[in-house]
């Protein structure tokens, strides 16, 4: 019985984590990334995690999950390694566009 419960819990966790990206469109985020995010995330400016740095993105995703990463990207934050202005400094971006860009960067950093 405990194996069944463990398997069910693992399955539920995978289902939930798989849905973390359901609200975001990584393909649509490519254009947002190129126009607004690449300046910092391509080279690591101001402590931004570089797109493609699997360890850095995995640690951030593990710490806050998708919703937390998107929320921080929308609101901006200052961390131990650097800072990010709200919406990466492009206040014209919608929250959806920011989420799409985050999904894009994560997808390129797996």
PDB file of N, CA and C in Angstrom:
ATOM      1  N   UNK A   1       0.818  -1.204   0.000  1.00  0.00           N
ATOM      2  CA  UNK A   1       0.000   0.000   0.000  1.00  0.00           C
ATOM      3  C   UNK A   1       0.855   1.258   0.000  1.00  0.00           C
ATOM      4  N   UNK A   2       1.950   1.265   0.753  1.00  0.00           N
ATOM      5  CA  UNK A   2       2.773   2.474   0.814  1.00  0.00           C
ATOM      6  C   UNK A   2       3.440   2.764  -0.528  1.00  0.00           C
ATOM      7  N   UNK A   3       3.754   1.726  -1.306  1.00  0.00           N
ATOM      8  CA  UNK A   3       4.324   1.945  -2.637  1.00  0.00           C
ATOM      9  C   UNK A   3       3.317   2.647  -3.534  1.00  0.00           C
ATOM     10  N   UNK A   4       2.062   2.246  -3.404  1.00  0.00           N
ATOM     11  CA  UNK A   4       1.014   2.870  -4.197  1.00  0.00           C
ATOM     12  C   UNK A   4       0.880   4.341  -3.837  1.00  0.00           C
ATOM     13  N   UNK A   5       0.875   4.638  -2.554  1.00  0.00           N
ATOM     14  CA  UNK A   5       0.755   6.027  -2.100  1.00  0.00           C
ATOM     15  C   UNK A   5       1.954   6.833  -2.568  1.00  0.00           C
ATOM     16  N   UNK A   6       3.159   6.262  -2.453  1.00  0.00           N
ATOM     17  CA  UNK A   6       4.362   6.964  -2.902  1.00  0.00           C
ATOM     18  C   UNK A   6       4.299   7.237  -4.395  1.00  0.00           C
ATOM     19  N   UNK A   7       3.881   6.241  -5.164  1.00  0.00           N
ATOM     20  CA  UNK A   7       3.781   6.423  -6.608  1.00  0.00           C
ATOM     21  C   UNK A   7       2.744   7.490  -6.948  1.00  0.00           C
ATOM     22  N   UNK A   8       1.643   7.494  -6.218  1.00  0.00           N
ATOM     23  CA  UNK A   8       0.597   8.491  -6.457  1.00  0.00           C
ATOM     24  C   UNK A   8       1.101   9.891  -6.138  1.00  0.00           C
ATOM     25  N   UNK A   9       1.856  10.035  -5.060  1.00  0.00           N
ATOM     26  CA  UNK A   9       2.398  11.344  -4.688  1.00  0.00           C
ATOM     27  C   UNK A   9       3.413  11.837  -5.723  1.00  0.00           C
ATOM     28  N   UNK A  10       4.267  10.942  -6.185  1.00  0.00           N
ATOM     29  CA  UNK A  10       5.250  11.315  -7.207  1.00  0.00           C
ATOM     30  C   UNK A  10       4.526  11.722  -8.485  1.00  0.00           C
ATOM     31  N   UNK A  11       3.518  10.960  -8.865  1.00  0.00           N
ATOM     32  CA  UNK A  11       2.745  11.293 -10.060  1.00  0.00           C
ATOM     33  C   UNK A  11       2.069  12.640  -9.940  1.00  0.00           C
ATOM     34  N   UNK A  12       1.501  12.908  -8.770  1.00  0.00           N
ATOM     35  CA  UNK A  12       0.840  14.199  -8.551  1.00  0.00           C
ATOM     36  C   UNK A  12       1.848  15.340  -8.613  1.00  0.00           C
ATOM     37  N   UNK A  13       3.027  15.145  -8.042  1.00  0.00           N
ATOM     38  CA  UNK A  13       4.060  16.181  -8.070  1.00  0.00           C
ATOM     39  C   UNK A  13       4.498  16.461  -9.500  1.00  0.00           C
ATOM     40  N   UNK A  14       4.661  15.411 -10.302  1.00  0.00           N
ATOM     41  CA  UNK A  14       5.045  15.607 -11.698  1.00  0.00           C
ATOM     42  C   UNK A  14       3.953  16.314 -12.479  1.00  0.00           C
ATOM     43  N   UNK A  15       2.718  15.972 -12.188  1.00  0.00           N
ATOM     44  CA  UNK A  15       1.602  16.622 -12.870  1.00  0.00           C
ATOM     45  C   UNK A  15       1.556  18.100 -12.541  1.00  0.00           C
ATOM     46  N   UNK A  16       1.727  18.426 -11.268  1.00  0.00           N
ATOM     47  CA  UNK A  16       1.708  19.826 -10.847  1.00  0.00           C
ATOM     48  C   UNK A  16       2.881  20.584 -11.450  1.00  0.00           C
ATOM     49  N   UNK A  17       4.083  20.003 -11.392  1.00  0.00           N
ATOM     50  CA  UNK A  17       5.242  20.703 -11.940  1.00  0.00           C
ATOM     51  C   UNK A  17       5.135  20.830 -13.452  1.00  0.00           C
ATOM     52  N   UNK A  18       4.531  19.865 -14.110  1.00  0.00           N
ATOM     53  CA  UNK A  18       4.335  19.954 -15.550  1.00  0.00           C
ATOM     54  C   UNK A  18       3.382  21.068 -15.916  1.00  0.00           C
ATOM     55  N   UNK A  19       2.433  21.366 -15.042  1.00  0.00           N
ATOM     56  CA  UNK A  19       1.470  22.427 -15.290  1.00  0.00           C
ATOM     57  C   UNK A  19       2.017  23.800 -14.929  1.00  0.00           C
ATOM     58  N   UNK A  20       3.193  23.871 -14.357  1.00  0.00           N
ATOM     59  CA  UNK A  20       3.763  25.153 -13.967  1.00  0.00           C
ATOM     60  C   UNK A  20       3.940  26.076 -15.170  1.00  0.00           C
ATOM     61  N   UNK A  21       4.128  25.480 -16.335  1.00  0.00           N
ATOM     62  CA  UNK A  21       4.336  26.264 -17.544  1.00  0.00           C
ATOM     63  C   UNK A  21       3.059  26.454 -18.337  1.00  0.00           C
ATOM     64  N   UNK A  22       1.965  25.829 -17.915  1.00  0.00           N
ATOM     65  CA  UNK A  22       0.725  25.844 -18.701  1.00  0.00           C
ATOM     66  C   UNK A  22       0.216  27.253 -18.969  1.00  0.00           C
ATOM     67  N   UNK A  23       0.421  28.164 -18.062  1.00  0.00           N
ATOM     68  CA  UNK A  23      -0.089  29.530 -18.222  1.00  0.00           C
ATOM     69  C   UNK A  23       0.816  30.394 -19.106  1.00  0.00           C
ATOM     70  N   UNK A  24       1.975  29.861 -19.485  1.00  0.00           N
ATOM     71  CA  UNK A  24       2.955  30.659 -20.213  1.00  0.00           C
ATOM     72  C   UNK A  24       3.311  30.016 -21.544  1.00  0.00           C
ATOM     73  N   UNK A  25       3.696  30.851 -22.504  1.00  0.00           N
ATOM     74  CA  UNK A  25       4.035  30.401 -23.839  1.00  0.00           C
ATOM     75  C   UNK A  25       5.504  30.731 -24.106  1.00  0.00           C
ATOM     76  N   UNK A  26       6.351  29.722 -23.952  1.00  0.00           N
ATOM     77  CA  UNK A  26       7.788  29.936 -24.124  1.00  0.00           C
ATOM     78  C   UNK A  26       8.121  30.405 -25.531  1.00  0.00           C
ATOM     79  N   UNK A  27       7.400  29.902 -26.533  1.00  0.00           N
ATOM     80  CA  UNK A  27       7.667  30.323 -27.913  1.00  0.00           C
ATOM     81  C   UNK A  27       7.391  31.818 -28.087  1.00  0.00           C
ATOM     82  N   UNK A  28       6.301  32.296 -27.510  1.00  0.00           N
ATOM     83  CA  UNK A  28       5.990  33.725 -27.571  1.00  0.00           C
ATOM     84  C   UNK A  28       7.005  34.537 -26.767  1.00  0.00           C
ATOM     85  N   UNK A  29       7.577  33.923 -25.737  1.00  0.00           N
ATOM     86  CA  UNK A  29       8.553  34.600 -24.901  1.00  0.00           C
ATOM     87  C   UNK A  29       9.883  34.859 -25.590  1.00  0.00           C
ATOM     88  N   UNK A  30      10.152  34.164 -26.701  1.00  0.00           N
ATOM     89  CA  UNK A  30      11.418  34.359 -27.413  1.00  0.00           C
ATOM     90  C   UNK A  30      11.569  35.796 -27.895  1.00  0.00           C
ATOM     91  N   UNK A  31      10.509  36.349 -28.452  1.00  0.00           N
ATOM     92  CA  UNK A  31      10.570  37.729 -28.936  1.00  0.00           C
ATOM     93  C   UNK A  31      10.741  38.723 -27.806  1.00  0.00           C
ATOM     94  N   UNK A  32      10.054  38.479 -26.695  1.00  0.00           N
ATOM     95  CA  UNK A  32      10.184  39.356 -25.521  1.00  0.00           C
ATOM     96  C   UNK A  32      11.607  39.276 -24.994  1.00  0.00           C
ATOM     97  N   UNK A  33      12.143  38.052 -24.907  1.00  0.00           N
ATOM     98  CA  UNK A  33      13.516  37.870 -24.444  1.00  0.00           C
ATOM     99  C   UNK A  33      14.487  38.665 -25.323  1.00  0.00           C
ATOM    100  N   UNK A  34      14.376  38.488 -26.626  1.00  0.00           N
ATOM    101  CA  UNK A  34      15.301  39.161 -27.544  1.00  0.00           C
ATOM    102  C   UNK A  34      15.202  40.685 -27.466  1.00  0.00           C
ATOM    103  N   UNK A  35      13.989  41.191 -27.275  1.00  0.00           N
ATOM    104  CA  UNK A  35      13.787  42.646 -27.247  1.00  0.00           C
ATOM    105  C   UNK A  35      14.080  43.275 -25.893  1.00  0.00           C
ATOM    106  N   UNK A  36      13.820  42.540 -24.802  1.00  0.00           N
ATOM    107  CA  UNK A  36      13.878  43.185 -23.483  1.00  0.00           C
ATOM    108  C   UNK A  36      14.756  42.501 -22.444  1.00  0.00           C
ATOM    109  N   UNK A  37      15.066  41.235 -22.622  1.00  0.00           N
ATOM    110  CA  UNK A  37      15.739  40.486 -21.550  1.00  0.00           C
ATOM    111  C   UNK A  37      17.188  40.120 -21.867  1.00  0.00           C
ATOM    112  N   UNK A  38      17.481  39.954 -23.153  1.00  0.00           N
ATOM    113  CA  UNK A  38      18.803  39.467 -23.552  1.00  0.00           C
ATOM    114  C   UNK A  38      19.932  40.390 -23.120  1.00  0.00           C
ATOM    115  N   UNK A  39      19.661  41.671 -23.030  1.00  0.00           N
ATOM    116  CA  UNK A  39      20.705  42.618 -22.645  1.00  0.00           C
ATOM    117  C   UNK A  39      21.392  42.176 -21.358  1.00  0.00           C
ATOM    118  N   UNK A  40      20.626  41.736 -20.387  1.00  0.00           N
ATOM    119  CA  UNK A  40      21.200  41.300 -19.112  1.00  0.00           C
ATOM    120  C   UNK A  40      21.416  39.784 -19.045  1.00  0.00           C
ATOM    121  N   UNK A  41      20.445  39.024 -19.543  1.00  0.00           N
ATOM    122  CA  UNK A  41      20.486  37.570 -19.356  1.00  0.00           C
ATOM    123  C   UNK A  41      21.404  36.846 -20.325  1.00  0.00           C
ATOM    124  N   UNK A  42      21.834  37.490 -21.389  1.00  0.00           N
ATOM    125  CA  UNK A  42      22.776  36.856 -22.313  1.00  0.00           C
ATOM    126  C   UNK A  42      24.178  36.837 -21.715  1.00  0.00           C
ATOM    127  N   UNK A  43      24.554  37.920 -21.055  1.00  0.00           N
ATOM    128  CA  UNK A  43      25.905  38.028 -20.520  1.00  0.00           C
ATOM    129  C   UNK A  43      26.016  38.019 -19.008  1.00  0.00           C
ATOM    130  N   UNK A  44      24.891  37.984 -18.305  1.00  0.00           N
ATOM    131  CA  UNK A  44      24.933  37.961 -16.845  1.00  0.00           C
ATOM    132  C   UNK A  44      25.088  39.325 -16.204  1.00  0.00           C
ATOM    133  N   UNK A  45      24.680  40.377 -16.906  1.00  0.00           N
ATOM    134  CA  UNK A  45      24.792  41.730 -16.371  1.00  0.00           C
ATOM    135  C   UNK A  45      23.997  41.874 -15.070  1.00  0.00           C
ATOM    136  N   UNK A  46      24.529  42.584 -14.130  1.00  0.00           N
ATOM    137  CA  UNK A  46      23.898  42.859 -12.826  1.00  0.00           C
ATOM    138  C   UNK A  46      23.521  41.581 -12.075  1.00  0.00           C
ATOM    139  N   UNK A  47      24.248  40.506 -12.328  1.00  0.00           N
ATOM    140  CA  UNK A  47      23.994  39.250 -11.625  1.00  0.00           C
ATOM    141  C   UNK A  47      22.872  38.421 -12.218  1.00  0.00           C
ATOM    142  N   UNK A  48      22.368  38.799 -13.388  1.00  0.00           N
ATOM    143  CA  UNK A  48      21.281  38.042 -14.018  1.00  0.00           C
ATOM    144  C   UNK A  48      21.775  36.644 -14.377  1.00  0.00           C
ATOM    145  N   UNK A  49      20.951  35.629 -14.140  1.00  0.00           N
ATOM    146  CA  UNK A  49      21.366  34.288 -14.549  1.00  0.00           C
ATOM    147  C   UNK A  49      21.419  34.212 -16.079  1.00  0.00           C
ATOM    148  N   UNK A  50      22.509  33.686 -16.602  1.00  0.00           N
ATOM    149  CA  UNK A  50      22.675  33.589 -18.046  1.00  0.00           C
ATOM    150  C   UNK A  50      21.769  32.489 -18.602  1.00  0.00           C
ATOM    151  N   UNK A  51      21.119  32.782 -19.693  1.00  0.00           N
ATOM    152  CA  UNK A  51      20.319  31.757 -20.360  1.00  0.00           C
ATOM    153  C   UNK A  51      21.265  30.638 -20.784  1.00  0.00           C
ATOM    154  N   UNK A  52      20.898  29.424 -20.447  1.00  0.00           N
ATOM    155  CA  UNK A  52      21.722  28.263 -20.739  1.00  0.00           C
ATOM    156  C   UNK A  52      22.480  27.747 -19.530  1.00  0.00           C
ATOM    157  N   UNK A  53      22.573  28.535 -18.459  1.00  0.00           N
ATOM    158  CA  UNK A  53      23.247  28.110 -17.231  1.00  0.00           C
ATOM    159  C   UNK A  53      22.290  27.228 -16.432  1.00  0.00           C
ATOM    160  N   UNK A  54      22.367  25.934 -16.684  1.00  0.00           N
ATOM    161  CA  UNK A  54      21.415  24.987 -16.107  1.00  0.00           C
ATOM    162  C   UNK A  54      21.387  25.025 -14.580  1.00  0.00           C
ATOM    163  N   UNK A  55      22.537  25.062 -13.960  1.00  0.00           N
ATOM    164  CA  UNK A  55      22.601  25.038 -12.495  1.00  0.00           C
ATOM    165  C   UNK A  55      21.961  26.278 -11.882  1.00  0.00           C
ATOM    166  N   UNK A  56      22.252  27.427 -12.436  1.00  0.00           N
ATOM    167  CA  UNK A  56      21.717  28.684 -11.891  1.00  0.00           C
ATOM    168  C   UNK A  56      20.190  28.730 -12.008  1.00  0.00           C
ATOM    169  N   UNK A  57      19.653  28.361 -13.167  1.00  0.00           N
ATOM    170  CA  UNK A  57      18.203  28.392 -13.364  1.00  0.00           C
ATOM    171  C   UNK A  57      17.509  27.326 -12.532  1.00  0.00           C
ATOM    172  N   UNK A  58      18.120  26.147 -12.432  1.00  0.00           N
ATOM    173  CA  UNK A  58      17.511  25.074 -11.647  1.00  0.00           C
ATOM    174  C   UNK A  58      17.413  25.470 -10.178  1.00  0.00           C
ATOM    175  N   UNK A  59      18.450  26.107  -9.662  1.00  0.00           N
ATOM    176  CA  UNK A  59      18.434  26.540  -8.261  1.00  0.00           C
ATOM    177  C   UNK A  59      17.336  27.571  -8.020  1.00  0.00           C
ATOM    178  N   UNK A  60      17.184  28.490  -8.917  1.00  0.00           N
ATOM    179  CA  UNK A  60      16.154  29.526  -8.764  1.00  0.00           C
ATOM    180  C   UNK A  60      14.756  28.925  -8.886  1.00  0.00           C
ATOM    181  N   UNK A  61      14.598  28.012  -9.832  1.00  0.00           N
ATOM    182  CA  UNK A  61      13.295  27.366 -10.026  1.00  0.00           C
ATOM    183  C   UNK A  61      12.931  26.536  -8.793  1.00  0.00           C
ATOM    184  N   UNK A  62      13.913  25.835  -8.273  1.00  0.00           N
ATOM    185  CA  UNK A  62      13.676  25.003  -7.083  1.00  0.00           C
ATOM    186  C   UNK A  62      13.304  25.867  -5.880  1.00  0.00           C
ATOM    187  N   UNK A  63      13.940  27.013  -5.749  1.00  0.00           N
ATOM    188  CA  UNK A  63      13.713  27.884  -4.592  1.00  0.00           C
ATOM    189  C   UNK A  63      12.330  28.530  -4.602  1.00  0.00           C
ATOM    190  N   UNK A  64      11.840  28.937  -5.778  1.00  0.00           N
ATOM    191  CA  UNK A  64      10.589  29.706  -5.807  1.00  0.00           C
ATOM    192  C   UNK A  64       9.504  29.131  -6.707  1.00  0.00           C
ATOM    193  N   UNK A  65       9.876  28.211  -7.589  1.00  0.00           N
ATOM    194  CA  UNK A  65       8.907  27.702  -8.547  1.00  0.00           C
ATOM    195  C   UNK A  65       8.638  28.728  -9.632  1.00  0.00           C
ATOM    196  N   UNK A  66       7.876  28.319 -10.599  1.00  0.00           N
ATOM    197  CA  UNK A  66       7.580  29.190 -11.745  1.00  0.00           C
ATOM    198  C   UNK A  66       6.853  30.455 -11.304  1.00  0.00           C
ATOM    199  N   UNK A  67       5.827  30.297 -10.485  1.00  0.00           N
ATOM    200  CA  UNK A  67       5.057  31.471 -10.061  1.00  0.00           C
ATOM    201  C   UNK A  67       5.923  32.471  -9.307  1.00  0.00           C
ATOM    202  N   UNK A  68       6.818  31.988  -8.473  1.00  0.00           N
ATOM    203  CA  UNK A  68       7.705  32.875  -7.729  1.00  0.00           C
ATOM    204  C   UNK A  68       8.687  33.601  -8.632  1.00  0.00           C
ATOM    205  N   UNK A  69       9.211  32.886  -9.618  1.00  0.00           N
ATOM    206  CA  UNK A  69      10.146  33.516 -10.549  1.00  0.00           C
ATOM    207  C   UNK A  69       9.450  34.592 -11.373  1.00  0.00           C
ATOM    208  N   UNK A  70       8.244  34.290 -11.820  1.00  0.00           N
ATOM    209  CA  UNK A  70       7.505  35.278 -12.614  1.00  0.00           C
ATOM    210  C   UNK A  70       7.149  36.483 -11.740  1.00  0.00           C
ATOM    211  N   UNK A  71       6.705  36.234 -10.512  1.00  0.00           N
ATOM    212  CA  UNK A  71       6.340  37.335  -9.612  1.00  0.00           C
ATOM    213  C   UNK A  71       7.536  38.257  -9.367  1.00  0.00           C
ATOM    214  N   UNK A  72       8.706  37.671  -9.128  1.00  0.00           N
ATOM    215  CA  UNK A  72       9.901  38.487  -8.907  1.00  0.00           C
ATOM    216  C   UNK A  72      10.285  39.261 -10.162  1.00  0.00           C
ATOM    217  N   UNK A  73      10.095  38.636 -11.311  1.00  0.00           N
ATOM    218  CA  UNK A  73      10.426  39.301 -12.570  1.00  0.00           C
ATOM    219  C   UNK A  73       9.488  40.463 -12.848  1.00  0.00           C
ATOM    220  N   UNK A  74       8.245  40.331 -12.442  1.00  0.00           N
ATOM    221  CA  UNK A  74       7.269  41.405 -12.631  1.00  0.00           C
ATOM    222  C   UNK A  74       7.537  42.550 -11.656  1.00  0.00           C
ATOM    223  N   UNK A  75       7.729  42.212 -10.390  1.00  0.00           N
ATOM    224  CA  UNK A  75       7.891  43.229  -9.349  1.00  0.00           C
ATOM    225  C   UNK A  75       9.304  43.787  -9.252  1.00  0.00           C
ATOM    226  N   UNK A  76      10.286  43.005  -9.722  1.00  0.00           N
ATOM    227  CA  UNK A  76      11.675  43.371  -9.538  1.00  0.00           C
ATOM    228  C   UNK A  76      12.154  42.912  -8.166  1.00  0.00           C
ATOM    229  N   UNK A  77      13.440  42.819  -8.001  1.00  0.00           N
ATOM    230  CA  UNK A  77      13.985  42.412  -6.705  1.00  0.00           C
ATOM    231  C   UNK A  77      15.471  42.706  -6.635  1.00  0.00           C
ATOM    232  N   UNK A  78      15.971  42.669  -5.413  1.00  0.00           N
ATOM    233  CA  UNK A  78      17.402  42.802  -5.174  1.00  0.00           C
ATOM    234  C   UNK A  78      17.822  41.585  -4.378  1.00  0.00           C
ATOM    235  N   UNK A  79      18.789  40.844  -4.900  1.00  0.00           N
ATOM    236  CA  UNK A  79      19.262  39.642  -4.232  1.00  0.00           C
ATOM    237  C   UNK A  79      20.716  39.760  -3.855  1.00  0.00           C
ATOM    238  N   UNK A  80      21.256  38.679  -3.330  1.00  0.00           N
ATOM    239  CA  UNK A  80      22.648  38.663  -2.891  1.00  0.00           C
ATOM    240  C   UNK A  80      23.608  38.803  -4.067  1.00  0.00           C
ATOM    241  N   UNK A  81      23.210  38.320  -5.250  1.00  0.00           N
ATOM    242  CA  UNK A  81      24.099  38.341  -6.411  1.00  0.00           C
ATOM    243  C   UNK A  81      23.847  39.507  -7.355  1.00  0.00           C
ATOM    244  N   UNK A  82      22.765  40.225  -7.168  1.00  0.00           N
ATOM    245  CA  UNK A  82      22.489  41.317  -8.081  1.00  0.00           C
ATOM    246  C   UNK A  82      21.068  41.823  -7.928  1.00  0.00           C
ATOM    247  N   UNK A  83      20.583  42.497  -8.957  1.00  0.00           N
ATOM    248  CA  UNK A  83      19.236  43.051  -8.883  1.00  0.00           C
ATOM    249  C   UNK A  83      18.585  43.016 -10.254  1.00  0.00           C
ATOM    250  N   UNK A  84      17.262  43.156 -10.233  1.00  0.00           N
ATOM    251  CA  UNK A  84      16.496  43.238 -11.470  1.00  0.00           C
ATOM    252  C   UNK A  84      15.404  44.269 -11.270  1.00  0.00           C
ATOM    253  N   UNK A  85      15.335  45.247 -12.162  1.00  0.00           N
ATOM    254  CA  UNK A  85      14.231  46.209 -12.053  1.00  0.00           C
ATOM    255  C   UNK A  85      12.913  45.528 -12.442  1.00  0.00           C
ATOM    256  N   UNK A  86      11.816  46.094 -12.011  1.00  0.00           N
ATOM    257  CA  UNK A  86      10.503  45.553 -12.357  1.00  0.00           C
ATOM    258  C   UNK A  86      10.389  45.392 -13.867  1.00  0.00           C
ATOM    259  N   UNK A  87       9.915  44.231 -14.281  1.00  0.00           N
ATOM    260  CA  UNK A  87       9.731  43.894 -15.699  1.00  0.00           C
ATOM    261  C   UNK A  87      11.008  44.129 -16.507  1.00  0.00           C
ATOM    262  N   UNK A  88      12.138  43.937 -15.853  1.00  0.00           N
ATOM    263  CA  UNK A  88      13.417  44.100 -16.538  1.00  0.00           C
ATOM    264  C   UNK A  88      13.666  45.514 -17.017  1.00  0.00           C
ATOM    265  N   UNK A  89      12.922  46.453 -16.471  1.00  0.00           N
ATOM    266  CA  UNK A  89      13.074  47.849 -16.869  1.00  0.00           C
ATOM    267  C   UNK A  89      12.152  48.255 -18.009  1.00  0.00           C
ATOM    268  N   UNK A  90      11.393  47.317 -18.549  1.00  0.00           N
ATOM    269  CA  UNK A  90      10.465  47.631 -19.638  1.00  0.00           C
ATOM    270  C   UNK A  90       9.042  47.579 -19.091  1.00  0.00           C
ATOM    271  N   UNK A  91       8.585  48.686 -18.527  1.00  0.00           N
ATOM    272  CA  UNK A  91       7.280  48.728 -17.865  1.00  0.00           C
ATOM    273  C   UNK A  91       6.116  48.548 -18.830  1.00  0.00           C
ATOM    274  N   UNK A  92       6.370  48.609 -20.131  1.00  0.00           N
ATOM    275  CA  UNK A  92       5.306  48.406 -21.113  1.00  0.00           C
ATOM    276  C   UNK A  92       4.931  46.938 -21.287  1.00  0.00           C
ATOM    277  N   UNK A  93       5.784  46.040 -20.783  1.00  0.00           N
ATOM    278  CA  UNK A  93       5.476  44.611 -20.888  1.00  0.00           C
ATOM    279  C   UNK A  93       4.279  44.257 -20.014  1.00  0.00           C
ATOM    280  N   UNK A  94       3.449  43.363 -20.524  1.00  0.00           N
ATOM    281  CA  UNK A  94       2.353  42.847 -19.696  1.00  0.00           C
ATOM    282  C   UNK A  94       2.908  41.761 -18.792  1.00  0.00           C
ATOM    283  N   UNK A  95       2.164  41.433 -17.754  1.00  0.00           N
ATOM    284  CA  UNK A  95       2.581  40.346 -16.875  1.00  0.00           C
ATOM    285  C   UNK A  95       2.693  39.039 -17.651  1.00  0.00           C
ATOM    286  N   UNK A  96       1.797  38.822 -18.606  1.00  0.00           N
ATOM    287  CA  UNK A  96       1.832  37.616 -19.432  1.00  0.00           C
ATOM    288  C   UNK A  96       3.120  37.562 -20.246  1.00  0.00           C
ATOM    289  N   UNK A  97       3.518  38.682 -20.828  1.00  0.00           N
ATOM    290  CA  UNK A  97       4.744  38.720 -21.618  1.00  0.00           C
ATOM    291  C   UNK A  97       5.968  38.411 -20.751  1.00  0.00           C
ATOM    292  N   UNK A  98       5.970  38.922 -19.532  1.00  0.00           N
ATOM    293  CA  UNK A  98       7.082  38.632 -18.619  1.00  0.00           C
ATOM    294  C   UNK A  98       7.107  37.144 -18.311  1.00  0.00           C
ATOM    295  N   UNK A  99       5.952  36.566 -18.007  1.00  0.00           N
ATOM    296  CA  UNK A  99       5.878  35.131 -17.736  1.00  0.00           C
ATOM    297  C   UNK A  99       6.313  34.301 -18.924  1.00  0.00           C
ATOM    298  N   UNK A 100       5.916  34.710 -20.118  1.00  0.00           N
ATOM    299  CA  UNK A 100       6.332  34.006 -21.330  1.00  0.00           C
ATOM    300  C   UNK A 100       7.849  34.054 -21.489  1.00  0.00           C
ATOM    301  N   UNK A 101       8.446  35.211 -21.213  1.00  0.00           N
ATOM    302  CA  UNK A 101       9.898  35.354 -21.330  1.00  0.00           C
ATOM    303  C   UNK A 101      10.618  34.487 -20.302  1.00  0.00           C
ATOM    304  N   UNK A 102      10.096  34.433 -19.084  1.00  0.00           N
ATOM    305  CA  UNK A 102      10.690  33.565 -18.057  1.00  0.00           C
ATOM    306  C   UNK A 102      10.607  32.108 -18.512  1.00  0.00           C
ATOM    307  N   UNK A 103       9.456  31.701 -19.031  1.00  0.00           N
ATOM    308  CA  UNK A 103       9.293  30.330 -19.523  1.00  0.00           C
ATOM    309  C   UNK A 103      10.284  30.038 -20.646  1.00  0.00           C
ATOM    310  N   UNK A 104      10.492  31.000 -21.530  1.00  0.00           N
ATOM    311  CA  UNK A 104      11.454  30.838 -22.606  1.00  0.00           C
ATOM    312  C   UNK A 104      12.861  30.636 -22.052  1.00  0.00           C
ATOM    313  N   UNK A 105      13.272  31.499 -21.124  1.00  0.00           N
ATOM    314  CA  UNK A 105      14.628  31.394 -20.578  1.00  0.00           C
ATOM    315  C   UNK A 105      14.845  30.083 -19.852  1.00  0.00           C
ATOM    316  N   UNK A 106      13.833  29.641 -19.104  1.00  0.00           N
ATOM    317  CA  UNK A 106      13.952  28.358 -18.407  1.00  0.00           C
ATOM    318  C   UNK A 106      14.044  27.220 -19.419  1.00  0.00           C
ATOM    319  N   UNK A 107      13.234  27.281 -20.469  1.00  0.00           N
ATOM    320  CA  UNK A 107      13.237  26.211 -21.473  1.00  0.00           C
ATOM    321  C   UNK A 107      14.596  26.106 -22.164  1.00  0.00           C
ATOM    322  N   UNK A 108      15.309  27.195 -22.286  1.00  0.00           N
ATOM    323  CA  UNK A 108      16.628  27.204 -22.912  1.00  0.00           C
ATOM    324  C   UNK A 108      17.739  26.889 -21.914  1.00  0.00           C
ATOM    325  N   UNK A 109      17.363  26.658 -20.654  1.00  0.00           N
ATOM    326  CA  UNK A 109      18.360  26.438 -19.603  1.00  0.00           C
ATOM    327  C   UNK A 109      18.160  25.098 -18.901  1.00  0.00           C
ATOM    328  N   UNK A 110      17.515  24.174 -19.572  1.00  0.00           N
ATOM    329  CA  UNK A 110      17.286  22.841 -18.979  1.00  0.00           C
ATOM    330  C   UNK A 110      18.400  21.904 -19.347  1.00  0.00           C
TER     331      UNK A 110
END
